[in-house]
Structure formats: C-alpha cells, structure tokens
N, C-alpha and C. Protein backbone atom coordinates (compact mmCIF):
# COMPACT_ATOMS: atom_id res chain seq x y z
N MET A 1 69.31 63.82 82.54
CA MET A 1 70.70 64.15 82.06
C MET A 1 70.84 65.68 81.82
N SER A 2 71.94 66.19 82.29
CA SER A 2 72.12 67.68 82.16
C SER A 2 72.44 68.10 80.75
N GLU A 3 72.05 69.31 80.47
CA GLU A 3 72.32 69.89 79.14
C GLU A 3 73.79 70.13 78.92
N ASP A 4 74.22 69.90 77.67
CA ASP A 4 75.64 70.12 77.26
C ASP A 4 75.73 71.50 76.64
N TYR A 5 76.49 72.38 77.26
CA TYR A 5 76.62 73.74 76.84
C TYR A 5 77.97 73.98 76.14
N THR A 6 78.63 72.87 75.80
CA THR A 6 79.91 73.03 75.16
C THR A 6 79.88 73.83 73.87
N PRO A 7 78.94 73.62 72.96
CA PRO A 7 78.90 74.39 71.74
C PRO A 7 78.72 75.89 72.06
N SER A 8 77.95 76.24 73.05
CA SER A 8 77.75 77.65 73.36
C SER A 8 79.03 78.24 73.88
N LEU A 9 79.74 77.54 74.72
CA LEU A 9 81.02 78.03 75.19
C LEU A 9 82.04 78.19 74.07
N GLN A 10 82.05 77.19 73.16
CA GLN A 10 83.01 77.27 72.00
C GLN A 10 82.73 78.49 71.17
N GLN A 11 81.48 78.82 71.00
CA GLN A 11 81.14 80.05 70.21
C GLN A 11 81.75 81.31 70.92
N PHE A 12 81.61 81.37 72.23
CA PHE A 12 82.17 82.52 72.93
C PHE A 12 83.71 82.49 72.77
N MET A 13 84.31 81.29 72.88
CA MET A 13 85.75 81.18 72.78
C MET A 13 86.26 81.59 71.47
N GLN A 14 85.59 81.24 70.36
CA GLN A 14 86.02 81.54 69.03
C GLN A 14 86.04 83.05 68.77
N ARG A 15 85.12 83.76 69.39
CA ARG A 15 85.07 85.22 69.18
C ARG A 15 86.31 85.95 69.73
N VAL A 16 86.93 85.36 70.73
CA VAL A 16 88.09 86.00 71.31
C VAL A 16 89.38 85.25 71.09
N GLY A 17 89.28 84.12 70.31
CA GLY A 17 90.49 83.46 69.84
C GLY A 17 91.05 82.37 70.76
N PHE A 18 90.24 81.80 71.62
CA PHE A 18 90.72 80.66 72.49
C PHE A 18 90.51 79.37 71.66
N SER A 19 91.57 78.58 71.47
CA SER A 19 91.47 77.34 70.69
C SER A 19 91.21 76.11 71.55
N SER A 20 91.31 76.20 72.91
CA SER A 20 91.13 75.10 73.82
C SER A 20 90.54 75.54 75.09
N PHE A 21 89.93 74.58 75.80
CA PHE A 21 89.44 74.89 77.17
C PHE A 21 90.56 75.16 78.14
N ARG A 22 91.71 74.54 77.91
CA ARG A 22 92.85 74.80 78.80
C ARG A 22 93.33 76.22 78.64
N ALA A 23 93.35 76.71 77.38
CA ALA A 23 93.75 78.09 77.13
C ALA A 23 92.81 79.08 77.83
N LEU A 24 91.50 78.74 77.79
CA LEU A 24 90.53 79.60 78.50
C LEU A 24 90.81 79.62 79.99
N SER A 25 91.02 78.42 80.56
CA SER A 25 91.20 78.33 82.03
C SER A 25 92.44 79.11 82.44
N GLN A 26 93.47 79.02 81.65
CA GLN A 26 94.73 79.74 81.95
C GLN A 26 94.55 81.23 81.86
N ALA A 27 93.85 81.66 80.81
CA ALA A 27 93.65 83.11 80.61
C ALA A 27 92.75 83.67 81.72
N ALA A 28 91.77 82.92 82.15
CA ALA A 28 90.82 83.41 83.17
C ALA A 28 91.35 83.11 84.56
N GLN A 29 92.41 82.31 84.69
CA GLN A 29 93.00 81.93 85.96
C GLN A 29 91.96 81.16 86.84
N VAL A 30 91.31 80.23 86.18
CA VAL A 30 90.39 79.32 86.87
C VAL A 30 90.81 77.92 86.51
N SER A 31 90.25 76.95 87.25
CA SER A 31 90.65 75.57 86.97
C SER A 31 89.84 75.02 85.75
N GLU A 32 90.36 73.94 85.14
CA GLU A 32 89.62 73.32 84.06
C GLU A 32 88.35 72.64 84.56
N LYS A 33 88.35 72.26 85.80
CA LYS A 33 87.11 71.68 86.43
C LYS A 33 86.04 72.73 86.42
N GLN A 34 86.38 73.98 86.72
CA GLN A 34 85.36 75.08 86.70
C GLN A 34 84.85 75.34 85.33
N VAL A 35 85.71 75.22 84.33
CA VAL A 35 85.30 75.33 82.93
C VAL A 35 84.34 74.25 82.53
N ARG A 36 84.58 73.04 83.04
CA ARG A 36 83.72 71.93 82.80
C ARG A 36 82.35 72.12 83.44
N GLN A 37 82.34 72.75 84.57
CA GLN A 37 81.02 73.09 85.24
C GLN A 37 80.23 74.03 84.37
N LEU A 38 80.88 74.95 83.75
CA LEU A 38 80.14 75.87 82.83
C LEU A 38 79.62 75.08 81.63
N ARG A 39 80.47 74.16 81.06
CA ARG A 39 79.95 73.39 79.96
C ARG A 39 78.80 72.52 80.27
N ARG A 40 78.66 72.07 81.57
CA ARG A 40 77.59 71.17 81.95
C ARG A 40 76.36 71.97 82.42
N GLY A 41 76.44 73.31 82.41
CA GLY A 41 75.32 74.12 82.87
C GLY A 41 75.15 74.20 84.36
N GLU A 42 76.26 73.96 85.12
CA GLU A 42 76.20 74.03 86.55
C GLU A 42 76.57 75.37 87.05
N ILE A 43 76.12 76.42 86.38
CA ILE A 43 76.53 77.74 86.68
C ILE A 43 76.03 78.19 88.05
N ALA A 44 74.92 77.70 88.47
CA ALA A 44 74.36 78.09 89.84
C ALA A 44 75.25 77.57 90.93
N GLN A 45 76.14 76.62 90.67
CA GLN A 45 76.98 76.11 91.68
C GLN A 45 78.37 76.72 91.70
N MET A 46 78.60 77.63 90.79
CA MET A 46 79.88 78.24 90.64
C MET A 46 80.00 79.53 91.43
N ARG A 47 81.16 79.82 91.94
CA ARG A 47 81.38 81.04 92.71
C ARG A 47 81.32 82.26 91.78
N LEU A 48 80.79 83.33 92.30
CA LEU A 48 80.66 84.56 91.52
C LEU A 48 82.01 85.07 91.06
N GLU A 49 83.03 84.92 91.90
CA GLU A 49 84.34 85.34 91.51
C GLU A 49 84.84 84.58 90.27
N THR A 50 84.52 83.26 90.20
CA THR A 50 84.94 82.50 89.05
C THR A 50 84.21 82.99 87.81
N LEU A 51 82.87 83.28 87.94
CA LEU A 51 82.10 83.72 86.80
C LEU A 51 82.63 85.10 86.33
N PHE A 52 83.04 85.92 87.28
CA PHE A 52 83.59 87.21 86.91
C PHE A 52 84.87 87.09 86.10
N LYS A 53 85.78 86.16 86.50
CA LYS A 53 87.00 85.95 85.79
C LYS A 53 86.75 85.41 84.40
N LEU A 54 85.84 84.48 84.25
CA LEU A 54 85.49 83.92 82.95
C LEU A 54 84.87 84.95 82.01
N SER A 55 84.06 85.83 82.63
CA SER A 55 83.39 86.86 81.81
C SER A 55 84.44 87.84 81.28
N GLN A 56 85.49 88.15 82.09
CA GLN A 56 86.52 89.03 81.66
C GLN A 56 87.32 88.42 80.51
N ALA A 57 87.64 87.13 80.64
CA ALA A 57 88.41 86.42 79.63
C ALA A 57 87.64 86.26 78.27
N LEU A 58 86.33 86.05 78.41
CA LEU A 58 85.48 85.83 77.25
C LEU A 58 84.88 87.15 76.70
N GLN A 59 85.22 88.27 77.42
CA GLN A 59 84.74 89.59 77.03
C GLN A 59 83.25 89.68 76.88
N VAL A 60 82.56 89.09 77.84
CA VAL A 60 81.12 89.14 77.90
C VAL A 60 80.73 89.48 79.36
N SER A 61 79.52 89.87 79.59
CA SER A 61 79.13 90.17 80.93
C SER A 61 78.71 88.95 81.69
N VAL A 62 78.70 89.02 82.99
CA VAL A 62 78.33 87.86 83.81
C VAL A 62 76.83 87.57 83.53
N THR A 63 76.09 88.56 83.29
CA THR A 63 74.67 88.41 82.97
C THR A 63 74.50 87.51 81.70
N ASP A 64 75.35 87.79 80.71
CA ASP A 64 75.30 86.96 79.46
C ASP A 64 75.61 85.51 79.78
N LEU A 65 76.61 85.33 80.66
CA LEU A 65 76.96 83.90 81.07
C LEU A 65 75.75 83.25 81.74
N LEU A 66 75.13 84.00 82.67
CA LEU A 66 74.00 83.44 83.41
C LEU A 66 72.87 83.03 82.49
N ILE A 67 72.62 83.91 81.54
CA ILE A 67 71.50 83.63 80.61
C ILE A 67 71.83 82.48 79.66
N THR A 68 73.04 82.45 79.17
CA THR A 68 73.46 81.44 78.18
C THR A 68 73.66 80.07 78.79
N PHE A 69 74.17 79.98 79.99
CA PHE A 69 74.55 78.67 80.55
C PHE A 69 73.66 78.21 81.66
N SER A 70 72.51 78.84 81.74
CA SER A 70 71.55 78.44 82.76
C SER A 70 70.53 77.45 82.11
N GLU A 71 69.93 76.56 82.86
CA GLU A 71 68.99 75.64 82.27
C GLU A 71 67.75 76.37 81.81
N LEU A 72 67.61 77.56 82.38
CA LEU A 72 66.40 78.37 81.96
C LEU A 72 66.44 78.68 80.46
N SER A 73 67.63 78.78 79.92
CA SER A 73 67.79 79.14 78.52
C SER A 73 67.27 78.09 77.60
N THR A 74 67.15 76.84 78.07
CA THR A 74 66.74 75.69 77.22
C THR A 74 65.38 75.27 77.54
N GLN A 75 64.74 75.88 78.50
CA GLN A 75 63.35 75.45 78.91
C GLN A 75 62.36 76.40 78.31
N PRO A 76 61.24 75.89 77.81
CA PRO A 76 60.18 76.81 77.32
C PRO A 76 59.55 77.55 78.51
N SER A 77 59.28 78.81 78.24
CA SER A 77 58.69 79.61 79.30
C SER A 77 57.23 79.19 79.52
N ALA A 78 56.84 79.16 80.77
CA ALA A 78 55.49 78.78 81.16
C ALA A 78 55.06 79.65 82.30
N PRO A 79 53.82 80.06 82.33
CA PRO A 79 53.31 80.91 83.41
C PRO A 79 53.39 80.09 84.72
N SER A 80 53.83 80.74 85.77
CA SER A 80 53.88 80.08 87.07
C SER A 80 53.61 81.06 88.13
N PRO A 81 52.79 80.73 89.13
CA PRO A 81 52.48 81.65 90.20
C PRO A 81 53.63 81.99 91.11
N GLN A 82 54.64 81.06 91.16
CA GLN A 82 55.79 81.30 91.98
C GLN A 82 57.07 81.15 91.14
N PRO A 83 58.11 81.93 91.39
CA PRO A 83 59.36 81.82 90.59
C PRO A 83 60.00 80.46 90.99
N SER A 84 60.60 79.86 89.99
CA SER A 84 61.31 78.60 90.18
C SER A 84 62.57 78.80 90.98
N ALA A 85 63.07 77.65 91.46
CA ALA A 85 64.34 77.72 92.24
C ALA A 85 65.45 78.27 91.43
N HIS A 86 65.47 77.84 90.11
CA HIS A 86 66.51 78.30 89.15
C HIS A 86 66.40 79.77 88.94
N LEU A 87 65.18 80.27 88.81
CA LEU A 87 64.97 81.67 88.52
C LEU A 87 65.42 82.52 89.73
N GLN A 88 65.14 82.03 90.91
CA GLN A 88 65.58 82.70 92.08
C GLN A 88 67.06 82.72 92.24
N GLU A 89 67.74 81.60 91.91
CA GLU A 89 69.16 81.56 91.92
C GLU A 89 69.80 82.52 90.95
N LEU A 90 69.17 82.62 89.81
CA LEU A 90 69.65 83.55 88.78
C LEU A 90 69.54 84.97 89.24
N ALA A 91 68.40 85.27 89.90
CA ALA A 91 68.22 86.65 90.43
C ALA A 91 69.21 86.97 91.52
N ASP A 92 69.49 85.93 92.36
CA ASP A 92 70.47 86.17 93.46
C ASP A 92 71.88 86.37 92.86
N LEU A 93 72.24 85.62 91.85
CA LEU A 93 73.57 85.77 91.23
C LEU A 93 73.66 87.19 90.57
N LYS A 94 72.64 87.65 89.93
CA LYS A 94 72.64 88.97 89.34
C LYS A 94 72.83 90.04 90.37
N GLN A 95 72.13 89.83 91.50
CA GLN A 95 72.19 90.86 92.56
C GLN A 95 73.61 90.85 93.20
N GLU A 96 74.15 89.65 93.41
CA GLU A 96 75.52 89.55 93.96
C GLU A 96 76.55 90.13 92.98
N TYR A 97 76.37 89.92 91.68
CA TYR A 97 77.30 90.48 90.68
C TYR A 97 77.24 92.00 90.75
N LYS A 98 76.01 92.59 90.88
CA LYS A 98 75.92 94.00 90.95
C LYS A 98 76.57 94.53 92.22
N ARG A 99 76.44 93.79 93.34
CA ARG A 99 77.06 94.19 94.61
C ARG A 99 78.57 94.19 94.45
N LEU A 100 79.06 93.13 93.82
CA LEU A 100 80.52 92.99 93.64
C LEU A 100 81.08 94.12 92.78
N GLN A 101 80.39 94.44 91.70
CA GLN A 101 80.80 95.57 90.84
C GLN A 101 80.86 96.85 91.61
N ASP A 102 79.82 97.14 92.39
CA ASP A 102 79.84 98.41 93.16
C ASP A 102 80.93 98.42 94.16
N SER A 103 81.20 97.23 94.79
CA SER A 103 82.26 97.15 95.79
C SER A 103 83.61 97.37 95.17
N LEU A 104 83.82 96.84 93.98
CA LEU A 104 85.11 97.02 93.28
C LEU A 104 85.32 98.48 92.90
N VAL A 105 84.27 99.17 92.44
CA VAL A 105 84.39 100.57 92.12
C VAL A 105 84.71 101.42 93.37
N GLN A 106 84.06 101.14 94.47
CA GLN A 106 84.30 101.82 95.71
C GLN A 106 85.70 101.57 96.24
N GLN A 107 86.16 100.34 96.14
CA GLN A 107 87.51 100.02 96.62
C GLN A 107 88.54 100.74 95.77
N LYS A 108 88.29 100.77 94.43
CA LYS A 108 89.26 101.47 93.58
C LYS A 108 89.31 102.93 93.96
N GLN A 109 88.17 103.60 94.20
CA GLN A 109 88.16 104.99 94.57
C GLN A 109 88.89 105.21 95.87
N GLU A 110 88.65 104.36 96.87
CA GLU A 110 89.23 104.51 98.21
C GLU A 110 90.78 104.35 98.07
N ILE A 111 91.23 103.33 97.28
CA ILE A 111 92.67 103.10 97.16
C ILE A 111 93.36 104.31 96.50
N TRP A 112 92.67 104.85 95.45
CA TRP A 112 93.22 106.02 94.73
C TRP A 112 93.29 107.22 95.69
N GLN A 113 92.27 107.41 96.51
CA GLN A 113 92.31 108.60 97.43
C GLN A 113 93.36 108.39 98.48
N GLU A 114 93.54 107.14 99.00
CA GLU A 114 94.59 106.90 100.00
C GLU A 114 95.95 107.09 99.35
N PHE A 115 96.15 106.72 98.11
CA PHE A 115 97.40 106.95 97.44
C PHE A 115 97.71 108.43 97.30
N GLN A 116 96.70 109.22 96.94
CA GLN A 116 96.87 110.69 96.80
C GLN A 116 97.29 111.29 98.18
N GLN A 117 96.58 110.94 99.22
CA GLN A 117 96.76 111.53 100.51
C GLN A 117 98.17 111.16 101.05
N SER A 118 98.60 109.94 100.87
CA SER A 118 99.91 109.56 101.39
C SER A 118 100.99 110.22 100.52
N SER A 119 100.78 110.41 99.22
CA SER A 119 101.77 111.09 98.41
C SER A 119 101.87 112.55 98.80
N LEU A 120 100.74 113.22 99.11
CA LEU A 120 100.75 114.63 99.45
C LEU A 120 101.44 114.77 100.82
N GLN A 121 101.28 113.82 101.71
CA GLN A 121 101.98 113.92 103.00
C GLN A 121 103.49 113.80 102.83
N ILE A 122 103.92 112.94 101.94
CA ILE A 122 105.34 112.83 101.68
C ILE A 122 105.89 114.10 101.07
N LEU A 123 105.06 114.71 100.21
CA LEU A 123 105.49 115.93 99.48
C LEU A 123 105.21 117.22 100.26
N GLU A 124 104.79 117.10 101.54
CA GLU A 124 104.32 118.28 102.27
C GLU A 124 105.32 119.41 102.24
N SER A 125 106.57 119.14 102.60
CA SER A 125 107.55 120.24 102.68
C SER A 125 107.76 120.86 101.29
N LEU A 126 107.76 120.02 100.26
CA LEU A 126 107.94 120.52 98.91
C LEU A 126 106.72 121.39 98.50
N LEU A 127 105.52 120.97 98.85
CA LEU A 127 104.38 121.71 98.53
C LEU A 127 104.33 123.13 99.14
N LEU A 128 104.79 123.16 100.39
CA LEU A 128 104.73 124.44 101.19
C LEU A 128 105.92 125.33 100.83
N GLN A 129 107.10 124.80 100.61
CA GLN A 129 108.29 125.59 100.48
C GLN A 129 108.58 125.99 98.98
N LEU A 130 108.26 125.10 98.02
CA LEU A 130 108.59 125.31 96.66
C LEU A 130 108.04 126.54 96.07
N PRO A 131 106.70 126.83 96.22
CA PRO A 131 106.16 128.10 95.62
C PRO A 131 106.86 129.36 96.12
N THR A 132 107.24 129.40 97.41
CA THR A 132 107.93 130.55 97.91
C THR A 132 109.29 130.68 97.37
N ALA A 133 110.01 129.59 97.20
CA ALA A 133 111.31 129.59 96.56
C ALA A 133 111.22 130.04 95.09
N ALA A 134 110.16 129.53 94.43
CA ALA A 134 109.96 129.94 93.02
C ALA A 134 109.63 131.43 92.88
N TYR A 135 108.85 131.93 93.86
CA TYR A 135 108.52 133.40 93.84
C TYR A 135 109.77 134.18 94.04
N ALA A 136 110.68 133.78 94.99
CA ALA A 136 111.89 134.53 95.24
C ALA A 136 112.74 134.52 93.98
N ALA A 137 112.82 133.38 93.29
CA ALA A 137 113.63 133.31 92.10
C ALA A 137 113.13 134.22 90.95
N GLN A 138 111.78 134.33 90.90
CA GLN A 138 111.21 135.18 89.87
C GLN A 138 111.47 136.66 90.13
N GLN A 139 111.71 137.01 91.40
CA GLN A 139 111.97 138.41 91.69
C GLN A 139 113.39 138.79 91.39
N ASN A 140 114.21 137.78 91.29
CA ASN A 140 115.65 138.05 90.91
C ASN A 140 116.00 137.12 89.73
N THR A 141 115.81 137.66 88.56
CA THR A 141 116.01 136.84 87.33
C THR A 141 117.47 136.49 87.09
N GLN A 142 118.39 137.12 87.81
CA GLN A 142 119.79 136.86 87.64
C GLN A 142 120.25 135.63 88.55
N ALA A 143 119.39 135.23 89.50
CA ALA A 143 119.68 134.17 90.39
C ALA A 143 119.73 132.83 89.63
N PRO A 144 120.71 131.94 89.93
CA PRO A 144 120.78 130.66 89.23
C PRO A 144 119.52 129.83 89.39
N ALA A 145 118.80 129.97 90.49
CA ALA A 145 117.60 129.19 90.74
C ALA A 145 116.49 129.42 89.70
N VAL A 146 116.53 130.54 89.04
CA VAL A 146 115.46 130.87 88.07
C VAL A 146 115.49 129.82 86.97
N LYS A 147 116.64 129.19 86.69
CA LYS A 147 116.72 128.21 85.58
C LYS A 147 115.98 126.95 85.87
N LEU A 148 115.70 126.76 87.20
CA LEU A 148 115.00 125.50 87.58
C LEU A 148 113.50 125.61 87.47
N LEU A 149 112.99 126.81 87.31
CA LEU A 149 111.51 127.02 87.27
C LEU A 149 110.82 126.17 86.26
N PRO A 150 111.34 126.03 85.01
CA PRO A 150 110.59 125.14 84.04
C PRO A 150 110.43 123.75 84.46
N LEU A 151 111.33 123.26 85.36
CA LEU A 151 111.28 121.90 85.84
C LEU A 151 110.09 121.65 86.77
N LEU A 152 109.44 122.75 87.25
CA LEU A 152 108.36 122.63 88.17
C LEU A 152 107.01 122.35 87.43
N LYS A 153 106.99 122.51 86.12
CA LYS A 153 105.72 122.41 85.39
C LYS A 153 105.08 121.03 85.56
N PRO A 154 105.85 119.91 85.40
CA PRO A 154 105.20 118.57 85.64
C PRO A 154 104.59 118.45 87.02
N PHE A 155 105.22 119.06 88.02
CA PHE A 155 104.72 119.03 89.42
C PHE A 155 103.39 119.72 89.49
N ASP A 156 103.32 120.87 88.87
CA ASP A 156 102.13 121.71 88.84
C ASP A 156 101.00 120.94 88.12
N ARG A 157 101.38 120.24 87.00
CA ARG A 157 100.37 119.47 86.25
C ARG A 157 99.81 118.32 87.05
N LEU A 158 100.65 117.68 87.85
CA LEU A 158 100.21 116.60 88.72
C LEU A 158 99.16 117.09 89.71
N LEU A 159 99.49 118.19 90.36
CA LEU A 159 98.53 118.75 91.33
C LEU A 159 97.21 119.11 90.67
N GLN A 160 97.30 119.64 89.46
CA GLN A 160 96.07 120.00 88.72
C GLN A 160 95.23 118.76 88.44
N GLU A 161 95.86 117.68 88.02
CA GLU A 161 95.15 116.50 87.73
C GLU A 161 94.50 115.86 88.97
N TRP A 162 95.11 116.07 90.12
CA TRP A 162 94.56 115.54 91.37
C TRP A 162 93.54 116.50 91.99
N GLY A 163 93.30 117.65 91.33
CA GLY A 163 92.37 118.58 91.87
C GLY A 163 92.84 119.36 93.03
N VAL A 164 94.19 119.44 93.20
CA VAL A 164 94.78 120.24 94.29
C VAL A 164 95.11 121.58 93.77
N GLU A 165 94.60 122.66 94.45
CA GLU A 165 94.82 124.01 93.99
C GLU A 165 95.29 124.88 95.12
N GLN A 166 96.10 125.88 94.74
CA GLN A 166 96.56 126.83 95.77
C GLN A 166 95.44 127.73 96.26
N ILE A 167 95.48 128.11 97.53
CA ILE A 167 94.51 129.04 98.03
C ILE A 167 94.73 130.38 97.41
N ALA A 168 96.00 130.78 97.26
CA ALA A 168 96.40 132.04 96.56
C ALA A 168 97.88 131.97 96.27
N PRO A 169 98.34 132.58 95.25
CA PRO A 169 99.79 132.52 94.93
C PRO A 169 100.60 133.30 95.92
N VAL A 170 101.84 132.92 96.08
CA VAL A 170 102.80 133.66 96.94
C VAL A 170 102.97 135.11 96.41
N GLY A 171 102.89 136.02 97.43
CA GLY A 171 102.98 137.45 97.09
C GLY A 171 101.66 138.17 96.87
N ALA A 172 100.61 137.39 96.71
CA ALA A 172 99.27 138.01 96.47
C ALA A 172 98.79 138.69 97.79
N GLU A 173 98.05 139.77 97.65
CA GLU A 173 97.39 140.38 98.80
C GLU A 173 95.90 140.10 98.75
N VAL A 174 95.44 139.53 99.85
CA VAL A 174 94.02 139.06 99.88
C VAL A 174 93.42 139.42 101.25
N PRO A 175 92.09 139.45 101.28
CA PRO A 175 91.43 139.70 102.56
C PRO A 175 91.67 138.51 103.57
N TYR A 176 91.96 138.88 104.77
CA TYR A 176 92.32 137.88 105.80
C TYR A 176 91.10 137.04 106.12
N ASP A 177 91.29 135.69 106.09
CA ASP A 177 90.25 134.74 106.47
C ASP A 177 90.90 133.70 107.36
N PRO A 178 90.60 133.72 108.63
CA PRO A 178 91.29 132.81 109.56
C PRO A 178 91.03 131.26 109.25
N GLN A 179 89.98 131.01 108.45
CA GLN A 179 89.74 129.66 108.05
C GLN A 179 90.75 129.17 107.00
N LEU A 180 91.27 130.14 106.22
CA LEU A 180 92.15 129.81 105.11
C LEU A 180 93.61 130.22 105.38
N HIS A 181 93.79 131.19 106.31
CA HIS A 181 95.07 131.83 106.47
C HIS A 181 95.62 131.65 107.93
N GLN A 182 96.93 131.56 108.05
CA GLN A 182 97.58 131.46 109.35
C GLN A 182 98.60 132.59 109.44
N LEU A 183 98.36 133.49 110.45
CA LEU A 183 99.27 134.63 110.65
C LEU A 183 100.65 134.16 111.11
N MET A 184 101.71 134.72 110.47
CA MET A 184 103.07 134.34 110.86
C MET A 184 103.56 135.36 111.86
N GLU A 185 102.95 136.56 111.86
CA GLU A 185 103.39 137.63 112.71
C GLU A 185 102.25 138.67 112.83
N GLY A 186 102.35 139.53 113.84
CA GLY A 186 101.34 140.61 113.95
C GLY A 186 99.97 140.08 114.21
N SER A 187 99.01 140.92 113.91
CA SER A 187 97.54 140.55 114.11
C SER A 187 96.77 141.13 112.94
N ALA A 188 95.59 140.59 112.71
CA ALA A 188 94.70 141.04 111.66
C ALA A 188 93.32 140.66 111.96
N ASP A 189 92.38 141.54 111.53
CA ASP A 189 90.95 141.25 111.64
C ASP A 189 90.46 140.68 110.30
N VAL A 190 89.34 140.00 110.39
CA VAL A 190 88.74 139.40 109.21
C VAL A 190 88.58 140.48 108.17
N GLY A 191 88.99 140.28 106.96
CA GLY A 191 88.87 141.22 105.91
C GLY A 191 90.03 142.21 105.67
N ASP A 192 90.97 142.26 106.69
CA ASP A 192 92.13 143.04 106.53
C ASP A 192 93.05 142.50 105.43
N ARG A 193 93.82 143.34 104.77
CA ARG A 193 94.72 142.92 103.76
C ARG A 193 95.90 142.23 104.34
N VAL A 194 96.21 141.04 103.77
CA VAL A 194 97.37 140.28 104.20
C VAL A 194 98.08 139.77 102.90
N ARG A 195 99.37 139.51 103.08
CA ARG A 195 100.19 139.02 101.93
C ARG A 195 100.52 137.60 102.09
N ILE A 196 100.32 136.75 101.05
CA ILE A 196 100.68 135.36 101.10
C ILE A 196 102.17 135.20 101.06
N ARG A 197 102.72 134.51 102.10
CA ARG A 197 104.14 134.20 102.17
C ARG A 197 104.43 132.78 101.86
N TYR A 198 103.57 131.88 102.27
CA TYR A 198 103.65 130.46 101.98
C TYR A 198 102.21 130.00 101.60
N THR A 199 102.05 129.57 100.34
CA THR A 199 100.75 129.23 99.86
C THR A 199 100.18 128.02 100.63
N GLY A 200 98.85 128.01 100.65
CA GLY A 200 98.12 126.85 101.22
C GLY A 200 97.43 126.08 100.10
N TYR A 201 96.83 124.97 100.45
CA TYR A 201 96.20 124.19 99.38
C TYR A 201 94.81 123.62 99.85
N ARG A 202 94.00 123.35 98.88
CA ARG A 202 92.73 122.62 99.10
C ARG A 202 92.55 121.70 97.98
N GLN A 203 91.73 120.65 98.24
CA GLN A 203 91.39 119.66 97.27
C GLN A 203 89.90 119.54 97.25
N GLY A 204 89.30 120.10 96.28
CA GLY A 204 87.80 120.15 96.30
C GLY A 204 87.35 121.01 97.45
N ASP A 205 86.45 120.45 98.26
CA ASP A 205 85.94 121.19 99.42
C ASP A 205 86.79 121.01 100.64
N ARG A 206 87.86 120.23 100.56
CA ARG A 206 88.63 119.90 101.76
C ARG A 206 89.91 120.75 101.80
N LEU A 207 90.16 121.39 102.92
CA LEU A 207 91.33 122.20 103.17
C LEU A 207 92.48 121.29 103.54
N LEU A 208 93.60 121.37 102.80
CA LEU A 208 94.76 120.58 103.07
C LEU A 208 95.76 121.32 103.99
N TYR A 209 96.06 122.57 103.60
CA TYR A 209 96.99 123.38 104.40
C TYR A 209 96.58 124.89 104.31
N ARG A 210 96.57 125.51 105.46
CA ARG A 210 96.26 126.94 105.42
C ARG A 210 97.51 127.75 104.93
N ALA A 211 97.23 128.83 104.20
CA ALA A 211 98.32 129.63 103.73
C ALA A 211 98.85 130.50 104.87
N LYS A 212 100.15 130.69 104.84
CA LYS A 212 100.83 131.46 105.91
C LYS A 212 100.95 132.91 105.39
N VAL A 213 100.48 133.86 106.19
CA VAL A 213 100.35 135.23 105.67
C VAL A 213 100.95 136.22 106.70
N SER A 214 101.21 137.42 106.24
CA SER A 214 101.66 138.56 107.12
C SER A 214 100.75 139.75 106.82
N PRO A 215 100.45 140.60 107.83
CA PRO A 215 99.60 141.76 107.57
C PRO A 215 100.31 142.71 106.62
N VAL A 216 99.52 143.42 105.81
CA VAL A 216 100.07 144.44 104.89
C VAL A 216 100.04 145.74 105.66
N ALA A 217 101.19 146.43 105.69
CA ALA A 217 101.29 147.67 106.42
C ALA A 217 100.42 148.75 105.69
N HIS A 218 99.67 149.48 106.50
CA HIS A 218 98.80 150.52 105.94
C HIS A 218 99.63 151.79 105.65
C-alpha cells in the first residue's frame, strides 16, 4: 500500500493559505488528479512542468517537493552498493529541473534582447535625427523647439537603462576612426579631427550605428 502524503501537503498548503485541494489545483493551474498523485507519493510519475507549477503555488522549491513526497523520505537509509531505482529517478528529476531553470533564464534573456533590438529598429530615425535636432535647438535658445528638450529626458533614461550610449555628442570634435565614424563629405585620415553631425550608438561591445561626421577645416 502506498504512503499517504496528504498531511505533508496540507502543511505546505496551510503556510500559504490554501484551504482546499481544489484551491491549490486552481492556483497552480494543474488538475485535481495531479494533486492526488502528489498526495499518494507518485511524484516520480508526474511531469516536471506540473511539479514546477505546484512548487510556485506552494512557494517551495521542486527539490523540497521531491524530498518530501518521495518514498525515500519514509524509508530508513541503508547502505547499498548500487543506487535504487527511486534514487536514480530523484536524481534525474533534479537534473531535469536544473536544466529547465537554466532554459527559462536563457529564454527570458533572449526574449528581452529581441525586444530591445526590435524597439531600437523602430526608433532608428528618432535615434539618429533627434540628437542633431536637439543640438540645433540648443544653439538657438529663441527657437520654439528648445521648449521640447525637457521632454527628451525619459527617452535618454530608457537608452541608459538598456546600456545604449552615444559614440560622441553632436558637435563634438574627435579623432577620425573609420570603425566608428562615417564621412558625410570630404576625406580624412585616421586620427584627423572630425566633427560629429549625427551621433552613433553602441550597446556594450556591439556597434549599432556609426556616427556621421565631417572633417574639421584646418
């Protein structure tokens, strides 16, 4: 006869305020049949995804569930030259849980990076044109556009949080670097002074857009 783990499950439920097994199944988005499997100690037969949902609802780790609701928890330990089938199943479940966690973290990072890149592509014209327009407004404080400059601060803050930075501000004079700069006119050798006319951007070690520059007259 299989072990009844209902009291153990009820203890976990009481800690987070579940008054019934139905409430637990609804919160975890699993079936009541799967909850009954846990109560009967049939954890080795349950899908890892189900255990993960239950662990989130009960606010415990999957490892805690495996230890609490496995038959190993009720058996006295005894030396054995070979691991038992239950012990191997437990080890496999732990390994699969770790793999799932790593996969979820990686997927989250990839989705976030894809969101940033698609957003930056949509904002491309704004990224390239806005700093030049703001620079022109700053040069003429009587122009109506200067009143719009404070509205750009949230945009600048967003770029900062995403790790996107300007190669150099518009109007700055810098040594010419063909890796970072694109000549709009004339010619220049590496190291010659050029003026930034449209700023470029990079994100970490990745170049997003080269800055557009013009040679500085000697």
